[in-house]
Amino acid sequence: MDFKGMGEQIKKKRREKNWRQEDLAEQTDLTSTYISLIERGKKCPTLETFIIIANALDASADELLASTLNNGYALRVSTYMDRLKNLSEEKQKTVCEVMEVLLKDE
């Protein structure tokens, strides 16, 4: 299994917090070398370590694993949801109406 996508998401979340690898390492009691290996997809963390990293980044497991598990569709939906939150109430309503029409027969 390719863990590069997970590593890229961890890196993205880390950068959103304006953290260096050393900062994430400090928050998780891991080494910056190990963080680097995870972010490059060279190492896969244990479940326990993955949870520690996710918690430190205030990220959900699906955010970090989406591209690894299902070609990123869940991640894209999550990204759209984040963007939707930043729209005006009127634009949010319009987006919801369009989605209702598209999903009507599903």
PDB file of N, CA and C in Angstrom:
ATOM      1  N   MET A   1       0.837  -1.181   0.000  1.00  0.00           N
ATOM      2  CA  MET A   1       0.000   0.000   0.000  1.00  0.00           C
ATOM      3  C   MET A   1       0.882   1.245   0.000  1.00  0.00           C
ATOM      4  N   ASP A   2       0.468   2.242  -0.736  1.00  0.00           N
ATOM      5  CA  ASP A   2       1.227   3.490  -0.847  1.00  0.00           C
ATOM      6  C   ASP A   2       0.748   4.474   0.216  1.00  0.00           C
ATOM      7  N   PHE A   3       1.649   4.887   1.082  1.00  0.00           N
ATOM      8  CA  PHE A   3       1.296   5.790   2.168  1.00  0.00           C
ATOM      9  C   PHE A   3       1.716   7.228   1.887  1.00  0.00           C
ATOM     10  N   LYS A   4       2.112   7.497   0.652  1.00  0.00           N
ATOM     11  CA  LYS A   4       2.560   8.842   0.306  1.00  0.00           C
ATOM     12  C   LYS A   4       1.438   9.871   0.467  1.00  0.00           C
ATOM     13  N   GLY A   5       0.222   9.482   0.087  1.00  0.00           N
ATOM     14  CA  GLY A   5      -0.914  10.398   0.214  1.00  0.00           C
ATOM     15  C   GLY A   5      -1.172  10.796   1.653  1.00  0.00           C
ATOM     16  N   MET A   6      -1.088   9.823   2.556  1.00  0.00           N
ATOM     17  CA  MET A   6      -1.266  10.115   3.974  1.00  0.00           C
ATOM     18  C   MET A   6      -0.173  11.072   4.449  1.00  0.00           C
ATOM     19  N   GLY A   7       1.051  10.803   4.055  1.00  0.00           N
ATOM     20  CA  GLY A   7       2.166  11.663   4.438  1.00  0.00           C
ATOM     21  C   GLY A   7       1.999  13.079   3.926  1.00  0.00           C
ATOM     22  N   GLU A   8       1.505  13.197   2.697  1.00  0.00           N
ATOM     23  CA  GLU A   8       1.281  14.525   2.124  1.00  0.00           C
ATOM     24  C   GLU A   8       0.216  15.287   2.903  1.00  0.00           C
ATOM     25  N   GLN A   9      -0.820  14.582   3.351  1.00  0.00           N
ATOM     26  CA  GLN A   9      -1.873  15.236   4.131  1.00  0.00           C
ATOM     27  C   GLN A   9      -1.362  15.661   5.506  1.00  0.00           C
ATOM     28  N   ILE A  10      -0.526  14.834   6.108  1.00  0.00           N
ATOM     29  CA  ILE A  10       0.076  15.203   7.392  1.00  0.00           C
ATOM     30  C   ILE A  10       0.923  16.460   7.207  1.00  0.00           C
ATOM     31  N   LYS A  11       1.698  16.478   6.139  1.00  0.00           N
ATOM     32  CA  LYS A  11       2.539  17.644   5.849  1.00  0.00           C
ATOM     33  C   LYS A  11       1.684  18.891   5.624  1.00  0.00           C
ATOM     34  N   LYS A  12       0.593  18.733   4.877  1.00  0.00           N
ATOM     35  CA  LYS A  12      -0.301  19.858   4.600  1.00  0.00           C
ATOM     36  C   LYS A  12      -0.882  20.413   5.898  1.00  0.00           C
ATOM     37  N   LYS A  13      -1.375  19.519   6.753  1.00  0.00           N
ATOM     38  CA  LYS A  13      -1.953  19.958   8.027  1.00  0.00           C
ATOM     39  C   LYS A  13      -0.898  20.617   8.912  1.00  0.00           C
ATOM     40  N   ARG A  14       0.305  20.071   8.910  1.00  0.00           N
ATOM     41  CA  ARG A  14       1.395  20.647   9.701  1.00  0.00           C
ATOM     42  C   ARG A  14       1.685  22.065   9.225  1.00  0.00           C
ATOM     43  N   ARG A  15       1.747  22.242   7.918  1.00  0.00           N
ATOM     44  CA  ARG A  15       2.040  23.566   7.363  1.00  0.00           C
ATOM     45  C   ARG A  15       0.912  24.556   7.626  1.00  0.00           C
ATOM     46  N   GLU A  16      -0.344  24.068   7.650  1.00  0.00           N
ATOM     47  CA  GLU A  16      -1.468  24.945   7.967  1.00  0.00           C
ATOM     48  C   GLU A  16      -1.328  25.529   9.370  1.00  0.00           C
ATOM     49  N   LYS A  17      -0.673  24.796  10.249  1.00  0.00           N
ATOM     50  CA  LYS A  17      -0.435  25.272  11.610  1.00  0.00           C
ATOM     51  C   LYS A  17       0.860  26.084  11.705  1.00  0.00           C
ATOM     52  N   ASN A  18       1.521  26.249  10.550  1.00  0.00           N
ATOM     53  CA  ASN A  18       2.812  26.950  10.505  1.00  0.00           C
ATOM     54  C   ASN A  18       3.847  26.281  11.403  1.00  0.00           C
ATOM     55  N   TRP A  19       3.810  24.963  11.419  1.00  0.00           N
ATOM     56  CA  TRP A  19       4.762  24.185  12.204  1.00  0.00           C
ATOM     57  C   TRP A  19       5.854  23.630  11.312  1.00  0.00           C
ATOM     58  N   ARG A  20       7.040  23.552  11.860  1.00  0.00           N
ATOM     59  CA  ARG A  20       8.132  22.818  11.218  1.00  0.00           C
ATOM     60  C   ARG A  20       7.993  21.353  11.635  1.00  0.00           C
ATOM     61  N   GLN A  21       8.726  20.489  10.971  1.00  0.00           N
ATOM     62  CA  GLN A  21       8.703  19.080  11.372  1.00  0.00           C
ATOM     63  C   GLN A  21       9.141  18.942  12.824  1.00  0.00           C
ATOM     64  N   GLU A  22      10.055  19.777  13.233  1.00  0.00           N
ATOM     65  CA  GLU A  22      10.540  19.744  14.610  1.00  0.00           C
ATOM     66  C   GLU A  22       9.425  20.083  15.601  1.00  0.00           C
ATOM     67  N   ASP A  23       8.544  21.006  15.206  1.00  0.00           N
ATOM     68  CA  ASP A  23       7.427  21.380  16.077  1.00  0.00           C
ATOM     69  C   ASP A  23       6.461  20.209  16.253  1.00  0.00           C
ATOM     70  N   LEU A  24       6.133  19.544  15.139  1.00  0.00           N
ATOM     71  CA  LEU A  24       5.252  18.377  15.222  1.00  0.00           C
ATOM     72  C   LEU A  24       5.919  17.266  16.026  1.00  0.00           C
ATOM     73  N   ALA A  25       7.199  17.081  15.819  1.00  0.00           N
ATOM     74  CA  ALA A  25       7.936  16.063  16.573  1.00  0.00           C
ATOM     75  C   ALA A  25       7.858  16.346  18.072  1.00  0.00           C
ATOM     76  N   GLU A  26       8.019  17.597  18.432  1.00  0.00           N
ATOM     77  CA  GLU A  26       7.962  17.979  19.846  1.00  0.00           C
ATOM     78  C   GLU A  26       6.572  17.725  20.429  1.00  0.00           C
ATOM     79  N   GLN A  27       5.545  18.044  19.661  1.00  0.00           N
ATOM     80  CA  GLN A  27       4.165  17.860  20.124  1.00  0.00           C
ATOM     81  C   GLN A  27       3.784  16.390  20.271  1.00  0.00           C
ATOM     82  N   THR A  28       4.469  15.511  19.542  1.00  0.00           N
ATOM     83  CA  THR A  28       4.098  14.095  19.511  1.00  0.00           C
ATOM     84  C   THR A  28       5.119  13.176  20.176  1.00  0.00           C
ATOM     85  N   ASP A  29       6.196  13.740  20.684  1.00  0.00           N
ATOM     86  CA  ASP A  29       7.292  12.944  21.265  1.00  0.00           C
ATOM     87  C   ASP A  29       7.890  11.967  20.255  1.00  0.00           C
ATOM     88  N   LEU A  30       7.948  12.406  18.999  1.00  0.00           N
ATOM     89  CA  LEU A  30       8.599  11.636  17.936  1.00  0.00           C
ATOM     90  C   LEU A  30       9.827  12.416  17.486  1.00  0.00           C
ATOM     91  N   THR A  31      10.627  11.823  16.632  1.00  0.00           N
ATOM     92  CA  THR A  31      11.773  12.556  16.099  1.00  0.00           C
ATOM     93  C   THR A  31      11.377  13.247  14.799  1.00  0.00           C
ATOM     94  N   SER A  32      12.047  14.327  14.487  1.00  0.00           N
ATOM     95  CA  SER A  32      11.771  15.021  13.224  1.00  0.00           C
ATOM     96  C   SER A  32      12.151  14.139  12.040  1.00  0.00           C
ATOM     97  N   THR A  33      13.136  13.279  12.224  1.00  0.00           N
ATOM     98  CA  THR A  33      13.518  12.339  11.160  1.00  0.00           C
ATOM     99  C   THR A  33      12.366  11.392  10.858  1.00  0.00           C
ATOM    100  N   TYR A  34      11.721  10.889  11.899  1.00  0.00           N
ATOM    101  CA  TYR A  34      10.588   9.976  11.714  1.00  0.00           C
ATOM    102  C   TYR A  34       9.412  10.705  11.063  1.00  0.00           C
ATOM    103  N   ILE A  35       9.152  11.937  11.482  1.00  0.00           N
ATOM    104  CA  ILE A  35       8.095  12.743  10.862  1.00  0.00           C
ATOM    105  C   ILE A  35       8.388  12.909   9.373  1.00  0.00           C
ATOM    106  N   SER A  36       9.625  13.186   9.036  1.00  0.00           N
ATOM    107  CA  SER A  36      10.026  13.344   7.638  1.00  0.00           C
ATOM    108  C   SER A  36       9.767  12.067   6.842  1.00  0.00           C
ATOM    109  N   LEU A  37      10.115  10.933   7.411  1.00  0.00           N
ATOM    110  CA  LEU A  37       9.898   9.648   6.734  1.00  0.00           C
ATOM    111  C   LEU A  37       8.407   9.389   6.507  1.00  0.00           C
ATOM    112  N   ILE A  38       7.587   9.726   7.486  1.00  0.00           N
ATOM    113  CA  ILE A  38       6.139   9.557   7.341  1.00  0.00           C
ATOM    114  C   ILE A  38       5.613  10.481   6.249  1.00  0.00           C
ATOM    115  N   GLU A  39       6.014  11.740   6.280  1.00  0.00           N
ATOM    116  CA  GLU A  39       5.520  12.710   5.300  1.00  0.00           C
ATOM    117  C   GLU A  39       5.929  12.348   3.879  1.00  0.00           C
ATOM    118  N   ARG A  40       7.045  11.683   3.720  1.00  0.00           N
ATOM    119  CA  ARG A  40       7.496  11.276   2.385  1.00  0.00           C
ATOM    120  C   ARG A  40       6.967   9.901   1.989  1.00  0.00           C
ATOM    121  N   GLY A  41       6.170   9.285   2.848  1.00  0.00           N
ATOM    122  CA  GLY A  41       5.595   7.984   2.531  1.00  0.00           C
ATOM    123  C   GLY A  41       6.569   6.836   2.650  1.00  0.00           C
ATOM    124  N   LYS A  42       7.691   7.069   3.307  1.00  0.00           N
ATOM    125  CA  LYS A  42       8.716   6.027   3.457  1.00  0.00           C
ATOM    126  C   LYS A  42       8.440   5.122   4.653  1.00  0.00           C
ATOM    127  N   LYS A  43       7.706   5.634   5.629  1.00  0.00           N
ATOM    128  CA  LYS A  43       7.339   4.864   6.823  1.00  0.00           C
ATOM    129  C   LYS A  43       5.850   5.034   7.072  1.00  0.00           C
ATOM    130  N   CYS A  44       5.242   3.983   7.595  1.00  0.00           N
ATOM    131  CA  CYS A  44       3.843   4.042   7.997  1.00  0.00           C
ATOM    132  C   CYS A  44       3.793   3.980   9.517  1.00  0.00           C
ATOM    133  N   PRO A  45       3.190   4.970  10.152  1.00  0.00           N
ATOM    134  CA  PRO A  45       3.140   4.954  11.615  1.00  0.00           C
ATOM    135  C   PRO A  45       2.199   3.862  12.119  1.00  0.00           C
ATOM    136  N   THR A  46       2.423   3.429  13.342  1.00  0.00           N
ATOM    137  CA  THR A  46       1.477   2.517  13.978  1.00  0.00           C
ATOM    138  C   THR A  46       0.168   3.264  14.184  1.00  0.00           C
ATOM    139  N   LEU A  47      -0.886   2.534  14.471  1.00  0.00           N
ATOM    140  CA  LEU A  47      -2.176   3.173  14.713  1.00  0.00           C
ATOM    141  C   LEU A  47      -2.078   4.154  15.874  1.00  0.00           C
ATOM    142  N   GLU A  48      -1.407   3.751  16.926  1.00  0.00           N
ATOM    143  CA  GLU A  48      -1.252   4.626  18.090  1.00  0.00           C
ATOM    144  C   GLU A  48      -0.527   5.922  17.714  1.00  0.00           C
ATOM    145  N   THR A  49       0.550   5.802  16.954  1.00  0.00           N
ATOM    146  CA  THR A  49       1.310   6.983  16.529  1.00  0.00           C
ATOM    147  C   THR A  49       0.485   7.846  15.583  1.00  0.00           C
ATOM    148  N   PHE A  50      -0.255   7.206  14.685  1.00  0.00           N
ATOM    149  CA  PHE A  50      -1.123   7.935  13.762  1.00  0.00           C
ATOM    150  C   PHE A  50      -2.137   8.779  14.534  1.00  0.00           C
ATOM    151  N   ILE A  51      -2.740   8.202  15.554  1.00  0.00           N
ATOM    152  CA  ILE A  51      -3.726   8.924  16.359  1.00  0.00           C
ATOM    153  C   ILE A  51      -3.074  10.094  17.092  1.00  0.00           C
ATOM    154  N   ILE A  52      -1.884   9.882  17.605  1.00  0.00           N
ATOM    155  CA  ILE A  52      -1.154  10.959  18.289  1.00  0.00           C
ATOM    156  C   ILE A  52      -0.882  12.111  17.320  1.00  0.00           C
ATOM    157  N   ILE A  53      -0.455  11.780  16.104  1.00  0.00           N
ATOM    158  CA  ILE A  53      -0.183  12.804  15.086  1.00  0.00           C
ATOM    159  C   ILE A  53      -1.472  13.535  14.714  1.00  0.00           C
ATOM    160  N   ALA A  54      -2.542  12.779  14.459  1.00  0.00           N
ATOM    161  CA  ALA A  54      -3.824  13.388  14.085  1.00  0.00           C
ATOM    162  C   ALA A  54      -4.309  14.338  15.175  1.00  0.00           C
ATOM    163  N   ASN A  55      -4.216  13.903  16.422  1.00  0.00           N
ATOM    164  CA  ASN A  55      -4.651  14.762  17.533  1.00  0.00           C
ATOM    165  C   ASN A  55      -3.800  16.023  17.627  1.00  0.00           C
ATOM    166  N   ALA A  56      -2.508  15.889  17.454  1.00  0.00           N
ATOM    167  CA  ALA A  56      -1.616  17.055  17.515  1.00  0.00           C
ATOM    168  C   ALA A  56      -1.955  18.060  16.418  1.00  0.00           C
ATOM    169  N   LEU A  57      -2.381  17.555  15.264  1.00  0.00           N
ATOM    170  CA  LEU A  57      -2.695  18.416  14.128  1.00  0.00           C
ATOM    171  C   LEU A  57      -4.154  18.872  14.117  1.00  0.00           C
ATOM    172  N   ASP A  58      -4.927  18.431  15.109  1.00  0.00           N
ATOM    173  CA  ASP A  58      -6.370  18.715  15.131  1.00  0.00           C
ATOM    174  C   ASP A  58      -7.028  18.260  13.834  1.00  0.00           C
ATOM    175  N   ALA A  59      -6.641  17.079  13.378  1.00  0.00           N
ATOM    176  CA  ALA A  59      -7.137  16.536  12.118  1.00  0.00           C
ATOM    177  C   ALA A  59      -7.867  15.224  12.381  1.00  0.00           C
ATOM    178  N   SER A  60      -8.848  14.937  11.541  1.00  0.00           N
ATOM    179  CA  SER A  60      -9.540  13.658  11.653  1.00  0.00           C
ATOM    180  C   SER A  60      -8.797  12.612  10.831  1.00  0.00           C
ATOM    181  N   ALA A  61      -9.039  11.365  11.162  1.00  0.00           N
ATOM    182  CA  ALA A  61      -8.393  10.272  10.435  1.00  0.00           C
ATOM    183  C   ALA A  61      -8.768  10.307   8.960  1.00  0.00           C
ATOM    184  N   ASP A  62     -10.036  10.605   8.655  1.00  0.00           N
ATOM    185  CA  ASP A  62     -10.440  10.617   7.252  1.00  0.00           C
ATOM    186  C   ASP A  62      -9.744  11.713   6.469  1.00  0.00           C
ATOM    187  N   GLU A  63      -9.463  12.835   7.113  1.00  0.00           N
ATOM    188  CA  GLU A  63      -8.718  13.896   6.426  1.00  0.00           C
ATOM    189  C   GLU A  63      -7.326  13.412   6.032  1.00  0.00           C
ATOM    190  N   LEU A  64      -6.689  12.688   6.932  1.00  0.00           N
ATOM    191  CA  LEU A  64      -5.313  12.257   6.692  1.00  0.00           C
ATOM    192  C   LEU A  64      -5.228  11.021   5.809  1.00  0.00           C
ATOM    193  N   LEU A  65      -6.281  10.206   5.793  1.00  0.00           N
ATOM    194  CA  LEU A  65      -6.237   8.947   5.048  1.00  0.00           C
ATOM    195  C   LEU A  65      -7.016   8.955   3.746  1.00  0.00           C
ATOM    196  N   ALA A  66      -7.819   9.973   3.502  1.00  0.00           N
ATOM    197  CA  ALA A  66      -8.735   9.953   2.365  1.00  0.00           C
ATOM    198  C   ALA A  66      -8.058   9.622   1.046  1.00  0.00           C
ATOM    199  N   SER A  67      -6.967  10.251   0.729  1.00  0.00           N
ATOM    200  CA  SER A  67      -6.331  10.005  -0.567  1.00  0.00           C
ATOM    201  C   SER A  67      -5.723   8.615  -0.637  1.00  0.00           C
ATOM    202  N   THR A  68      -5.369   8.044   0.501  1.00  0.00           N
ATOM    203  CA  THR A  68      -4.819   6.693   0.534  1.00  0.00           C
ATOM    204  C   THR A  68      -5.922   5.660   0.354  1.00  0.00           C
ATOM    205  N   LEU A  69      -7.093   5.941   0.921  1.00  0.00           N
ATOM    206  CA  LEU A  69      -8.162   4.951   0.939  1.00  0.00           C
ATOM    207  C   LEU A  69      -9.054   4.962  -0.287  1.00  0.00           C
ATOM    208  N   ASN A  70      -9.335   6.130  -0.835  1.00  0.00           N
ATOM    209  CA  ASN A  70     -10.318   6.153  -1.921  1.00  0.00           C
ATOM    210  C   ASN A  70     -10.024   7.212  -2.974  1.00  0.00           C
ATOM    211  N   ASN A  71      -8.820   7.329  -3.340  1.00  0.00           N
ATOM    212  CA  ASN A  71      -8.425   8.257  -4.404  1.00  0.00           C
ATOM    213  C   ASN A  71      -8.776   9.711  -4.121  1.00  0.00           C
ATOM    214  N   GLY A  72      -8.985  10.046  -2.874  1.00  0.00           N
ATOM    215  CA  GLY A  72      -9.136  11.440  -2.512  1.00  0.00           C
ATOM    216  C   GLY A  72     -10.521  12.029  -2.610  1.00  0.00           C
ATOM    217  N   TYR A  73     -11.546  11.246  -2.973  1.00  0.00           N
ATOM    218  CA  TYR A  73     -12.883  11.832  -3.089  1.00  0.00           C
ATOM    219  C   TYR A  73     -13.371  12.376  -1.755  1.00  0.00           C
ATOM    220  N   ALA A  74     -13.163  11.631  -0.686  1.00  0.00           N
ATOM    221  CA  ALA A  74     -13.581  12.120   0.633  1.00  0.00           C
ATOM    222  C   ALA A  74     -12.815  13.381   0.997  1.00  0.00           C
ATOM    223  N   LEU A  75     -11.554  13.425   0.630  1.00  0.00           N
ATOM    224  CA  LEU A  75     -10.749  14.609   0.920  1.00  0.00           C
ATOM    225  C   LEU A  75     -11.276  15.812   0.152  1.00  0.00           C
ATOM    226  N   ARG A  76     -11.645  15.600  -1.106  1.00  0.00           N
ATOM    227  CA  ARG A  76     -12.179  16.716  -1.884  1.00  0.00           C
ATOM    228  C   ARG A  76     -13.493  17.207  -1.293  1.00  0.00           C
ATOM    229  N   VAL A  77     -14.340  16.281  -0.866  1.00  0.00           N
ATOM    230  CA  VAL A  77     -15.598  16.674  -0.238  1.00  0.00           C
ATOM    231  C   VAL A  77     -15.306  17.482   1.018  1.00  0.00           C
ATOM    232  N   SER A  78     -14.346  17.015   1.807  1.00  0.00           N
ATOM    233  CA  SER A  78     -13.960  17.730   3.026  1.00  0.00           C
ATOM    234  C   SER A  78     -13.445  19.133   2.692  1.00  0.00           C
ATOM    235  N   THR A  79     -12.662  19.243   1.635  1.00  0.00           N
ATOM    236  CA  THR A  79     -12.138  20.542   1.207  1.00  0.00           C
ATOM    237  C   THR A  79     -13.274  21.461   0.777  1.00  0.00           C
ATOM    238  N   TYR A  80     -14.238  20.901   0.036  1.00  0.00           N
ATOM    239  CA  TYR A  80     -15.387  21.704  -0.383  1.00  0.00           C
ATOM    240  C   TYR A  80     -16.190  22.176   0.827  1.00  0.00           C
ATOM    241  N   MET A  81     -16.330  21.310   1.816  1.00  0.00           N
ATOM    242  CA  MET A  81     -17.069  21.692   3.022  1.00  0.00           C
ATOM    243  C   MET A  81     -16.367  22.851   3.731  1.00  0.00           C
ATOM    244  N   ASP A  82     -15.047  22.787   3.797  1.00  0.00           N
ATOM    245  CA  ASP A  82     -14.296  23.885   4.409  1.00  0.00           C
ATOM    246  C   ASP A  82     -14.514  25.187   3.646  1.00  0.00           C
ATOM    247  N   ARG A  83     -14.504  25.085   2.324  1.00  0.00           N
ATOM    248  CA  ARG A  83     -14.708  26.281   1.508  1.00  0.00           C
ATOM    249  C   ARG A  83     -16.131  26.808   1.648  1.00  0.00           C
ATOM    250  N   LEU A  84     -17.086  25.897   1.752  1.00  0.00           N
ATOM    251  CA  LEU A  84     -18.484  26.278   1.896  1.00  0.00           C
ATOM    252  C   LEU A  84     -18.703  27.099   3.167  1.00  0.00           C
ATOM    253  N   LYS A  85     -18.010  26.750   4.227  1.00  0.00           N
ATOM    254  CA  LYS A  85     -18.135  27.470   5.501  1.00  0.00           C
ATOM    255  C   LYS A  85     -17.740  28.940   5.363  1.00  0.00           C
ATOM    256  N   ASN A  86     -16.872  29.234   4.402  1.00  0.00           N
ATOM    257  CA  ASN A  86     -16.376  30.599   4.228  1.00  0.00           C
ATOM    258  C   ASN A  86     -17.249  31.449   3.307  1.00  0.00           C
ATOM    259  N   LEU A  87     -18.260  30.835   2.701  1.00  0.00           N
ATOM    260  CA  LEU A  87     -19.147  31.581   1.805  1.00  0.00           C
ATOM    261  C   LEU A  87     -20.191  32.350   2.609  1.00  0.00           C
ATOM    262  N   SER A  88     -20.761  33.343   1.958  1.00  0.00           N
ATOM    263  CA  SER A  88     -21.868  34.069   2.585  1.00  0.00           C
ATOM    264  C   SER A  88     -23.055  33.119   2.734  1.00  0.00           C
ATOM    265  N   GLU A  89     -23.971  33.481   3.594  1.00  0.00           N
ATOM    266  CA  GLU A  89     -25.155  32.645   3.817  1.00  0.00           C
ATOM    267  C   GLU A  89     -25.945  32.453   2.524  1.00  0.00           C
ATOM    268  N   GLU A  90     -26.024  33.506   1.728  1.00  0.00           N
ATOM    269  CA  GLU A  90     -26.756  33.435   0.457  1.00  0.00           C
ATOM    270  C   GLU A  90     -26.107  32.428  -0.497  1.00  0.00           C
ATOM    271  N   LYS A  91     -24.782  32.475  -0.605  1.00  0.00           N
ATOM    272  CA  LYS A  91     -24.086  31.540  -1.487  1.00  0.00           C
ATOM    273  C   LYS A  91     -24.174  30.112  -0.947  1.00  0.00           C
ATOM    274  N   GLN A  92     -24.140  29.953   0.369  1.00  0.00           N
ATOM    275  CA  GLN A  92     -24.301  28.624   0.954  1.00  0.00           C
ATOM    276  C   GLN A  92     -25.662  28.043   0.577  1.00  0.00           C
ATOM    277  N   LYS A  93     -26.676  28.879   0.645  1.00  0.00           N
ATOM    278  CA  LYS A  93     -28.026  28.443   0.295  1.00  0.00           C
ATOM    279  C   LYS A  93     -28.080  28.015  -1.169  1.00  0.00           C
ATOM    280  N   THR A  94     -27.461  28.786  -2.047  1.00  0.00           N
ATOM    281  CA  THR A  94     -27.443  28.457  -3.472  1.00  0.00           C
ATOM    282  C   THR A  94     -26.746  27.122  -3.714  1.00  0.00           C
ATOM    283  N   VAL A  95     -25.608  26.914  -3.074  1.00  0.00           N
ATOM    284  CA  VAL A  95     -24.877  25.654  -3.223  1.00  0.00           C
ATOM    285  C   VAL A  95     -25.739  24.488  -2.748  1.00  0.00           C
ATOM    286  N   CYS A  96     -26.406  24.653  -1.627  1.00  0.00           N
ATOM    287  CA  CYS A  96     -27.265  23.587  -1.097  1.00  0.00           C
ATOM    288  C   CYS A  96     -28.421  23.286  -2.049  1.00  0.00           C
ATOM    289  N   GLU A  97     -29.000  24.316  -2.634  1.00  0.00           N
ATOM    290  CA  GLU A  97     -30.094  24.110  -3.586  1.00  0.00           C
ATOM    291  C   GLU A  97     -29.616  23.346  -4.813  1.00  0.00           C
ATOM    292  N   VAL A  98     -28.442  23.689  -5.321  1.00  0.00           N
ATOM    293  CA  VAL A  98     -27.877  22.983  -6.475  1.00  0.00           C
ATOM    294  C   VAL A  98     -27.614  21.520  -6.119  1.00  0.00           C
ATOM    295  N   MET A  99     -27.057  21.296  -4.943  1.00  0.00           N
ATOM    296  CA  MET A  99     -26.780  19.921  -4.516  1.00  0.00           C
ATOM    297  C   MET A  99     -28.071  19.117  -4.388  1.00  0.00           C
ATOM    298  N   GLU A 100     -29.118  19.738  -3.853  1.00  0.00           N
ATOM    299  CA  GLU A 100     -30.396  19.046  -3.717  1.00  0.00           C
ATOM    300  C   GLU A 100     -30.937  18.623  -5.073  1.00  0.00           C
ATOM    301  N   VAL A 101     -30.819  19.480  -6.073  1.00  0.00           N
ATOM    302  CA  VAL A 101     -31.274  19.143  -7.421  1.00  0.00           C
ATOM    303  C   VAL A 101     -30.445  17.985  -7.982  1.00  0.00           C
ATOM    304  N   LEU A 102     -29.131  18.058  -7.829  1.00  0.00           N
ATOM    305  CA  LEU A 102     -28.257  17.013  -8.361  1.00  0.00           C
ATOM    306  C   LEU A 102     -28.458  15.669  -7.669  1.00  0.00           C
ATOM    307  N   LEU A 103     -28.770  15.692  -6.396  1.00  0.00           N
ATOM    308  CA  LEU A 103     -28.897  14.458  -5.621  1.00  0.00           C
ATOM    309  C   LEU A 103     -30.341  13.988  -5.471  1.00  0.00           C
ATOM    310  N   LYS A 104     -31.257  14.661  -6.117  1.00  0.00           N
ATOM    311  CA  LYS A 104     -32.686  14.400  -5.964  1.00  0.00           C
ATOM    312  C   LYS A 104     -33.050  12.933  -6.184  1.00  0.00           C
ATOM    313  N   ASP A 105     -32.535  12.315  -7.206  1.00  0.00           N
ATOM    314  CA  ASP A 105     -32.911  10.943  -7.553  1.00  0.00           C
ATOM    315  C   ASP A 105     -31.965   9.898  -6.989  1.00  0.00           C
ATOM    316  N   GLU A 106     -31.040  10.289  -6.170  1.00  0.00           N
ATOM    317  CA  GLU A 106     -30.062   9.338  -5.620  1.00  0.00           C
ATOM    318  C   GLU A 106     -30.609   8.659  -4.400  1.00  0.00           C
TER     319      GLU A 106
END
